[in-house]
Amino acid sequence: MERRKFIGTYQGDKPREVYATLQLMPKELKVAAPEIRNVPKKIPERSNDMERSKTKKSVPVIDEKPEPEIPDEEGLTPKQRIFIMEYLRDFNTTRAAMAAEYS
């Protein structure tokens, strides 16, 4: 193709220059475009028999909201009262929160 002046000379890692267009190229050098066929996809036979294909739908989880705690005459809820009593025992807030079941 270089001898027929369709493309330029070799220039190392640079691309060659193209001098020919599709209108100027001879018929024997023109490449026909590949024919595109719409072929349905083949499904493997064993895909229907696999255990993974049997999907299990998950049941939605319903979050139960705890009942609101009603403060007593001093303004403390039972959870707060437990926290205070546990904190006064050893002055450890983390252990007191765990004992009062705070998240």
Protein backbone atom coordinates (compact mmCIF):
# COMPACT_ATOMS: atom_id res chain seq x y z
CA MET A 1 0.00 0.00 0.00
CA GLU A 2 2.98 2.24 0.59
CA ARG A 3 4.25 1.60 -2.97
CA ARG A 4 0.85 2.44 -4.43
CA LYS A 5 0.80 5.72 -2.41
CA PHE A 6 -2.26 4.83 -0.36
CA ILE A 7 -0.41 5.38 2.94
CA GLY A 8 2.72 7.28 3.98
CA THR A 9 6.10 5.92 5.04
CA TYR A 10 6.94 4.28 8.35
CA GLN A 11 7.74 6.89 11.05
CA GLY A 12 8.46 4.87 14.18
CA ASP A 13 5.77 5.09 16.83
CA LYS A 14 3.75 7.72 14.93
CA PRO A 15 0.75 6.66 12.83
CA ARG A 16 1.19 6.58 9.06
CA GLU A 17 -0.48 9.23 6.93
CA VAL A 18 -3.39 8.03 4.81
CA TYR A 19 -3.59 9.45 1.30
CA ALA A 20 -6.35 7.27 -0.19
CA THR A 21 -10.07 7.58 0.43
CA LEU A 22 -12.75 4.99 -0.24
CA GLN A 23 -13.69 6.69 -3.53
CA LEU A 24 -10.09 6.56 -4.83
CA MET A 25 -9.28 2.99 -3.80
CA PRO A 26 -9.59 0.24 -6.38
CA LYS A 27 -12.48 -2.21 -6.01
CA GLU A 28 -10.21 -5.15 -5.15
CA LEU A 29 -8.84 -3.34 -2.08
CA LYS A 30 -12.18 -2.20 -0.72
CA VAL A 31 -13.31 -4.25 2.25
CA ALA A 32 -16.99 -5.05 2.54
CA ALA A 33 -18.62 -4.17 5.81
CA PRO A 34 -19.44 -7.22 7.90
CA GLU A 35 -23.03 -8.36 7.75
CA ILE A 36 -24.87 -7.90 11.02
CA ARG A 37 -27.40 -10.58 11.86
CA ASN A 38 -29.89 -10.58 14.67
CA VAL A 39 -29.37 -13.96 16.25
CA PRO A 40 -31.15 -14.82 19.50
CA LYS A 41 -28.89 -15.57 22.44
CA LYS A 42 -28.40 -19.21 23.31
CA ILE A 43 -29.43 -20.04 26.85
CA PRO A 44 -27.51 -22.92 28.41
CA GLU A 45 -29.76 -25.86 29.21
CA ARG A 46 -28.61 -26.30 32.78
CA SER A 47 -29.22 -22.66 33.81
CA ASN A 48 -32.83 -23.45 34.70
CA ASP A 49 -31.85 -26.40 36.88
CA MET A 50 -29.35 -24.60 39.11
CA GLU A 51 -30.18 -23.81 42.72
CA ARG A 52 -29.05 -20.19 42.33
CA SER A 53 -31.74 -19.56 39.75
CA LYS A 54 -34.39 -20.20 42.40
CA THR A 55 -34.48 -16.78 44.01
CA LYS A 56 -36.03 -16.37 47.41
CA LYS A 57 -37.82 -13.14 48.04
CA SER A 58 -36.96 -11.59 51.35
CA VAL A 59 -39.72 -10.61 53.73
CA PRO A 60 -39.68 -6.91 54.59
CA VAL A 61 -38.53 -6.20 58.11
CA ILE A 62 -40.91 -4.11 60.17
CA ASP A 63 -39.14 -1.96 62.72
CA GLU A 64 -41.11 -1.87 65.92
CA LYS A 65 -40.95 1.51 67.58
CA PRO A 66 -40.57 1.32 71.34
CA GLU A 67 -43.27 2.87 73.44
CA PRO A 68 -42.38 6.38 74.58
CA GLU A 69 -41.13 6.43 78.14
CA ILE A 70 -43.17 8.58 80.43
CA PRO A 71 -41.14 10.63 82.96
CA ASP A 72 -42.04 10.33 86.62
CA GLU A 73 -42.68 13.20 89.04
CA GLU A 74 -38.95 14.07 89.10
CA GLY A 75 -38.80 14.26 85.29
CA LEU A 76 -36.72 11.10 84.77
CA THR A 77 -37.60 8.13 82.61
CA PRO A 78 -36.90 4.62 83.94
CA LYS A 79 -33.96 4.31 81.52
CA GLN A 80 -32.44 7.57 82.77
CA ARG A 81 -32.94 6.50 86.40
CA ILE A 82 -31.07 3.20 85.74
CA PHE A 83 -28.26 5.11 84.01
CA ILE A 84 -27.86 7.46 87.00
CA MET A 85 -27.82 4.62 89.54
CA GLU A 86 -25.23 2.63 87.55
CA TYR A 87 -23.09 5.74 87.00
CA LEU A 88 -23.06 6.59 90.70
CA ARG A 89 -21.89 3.05 91.45
CA ASP A 90 -18.44 3.37 89.74
CA PHE A 91 -18.46 6.64 87.68
CA ASN A 92 -18.10 4.75 84.36
CA THR A 93 -20.40 6.23 81.69
CA THR A 94 -19.85 3.46 79.14
CA ARG A 95 -20.79 0.66 81.55
CA ALA A 96 -23.74 2.70 82.87
CA ALA A 97 -25.05 3.26 79.31
CA MET A 98 -24.74 -0.46 78.55
CA ALA A 99 -26.58 -1.36 81.75
CA ALA A 100 -29.38 1.09 80.88
CA GLU A 101 -29.54 -0.46 77.36
CA TYR A 102 -28.71 2.69 75.42
CA SER A 103 -27.66 1.99 71.82
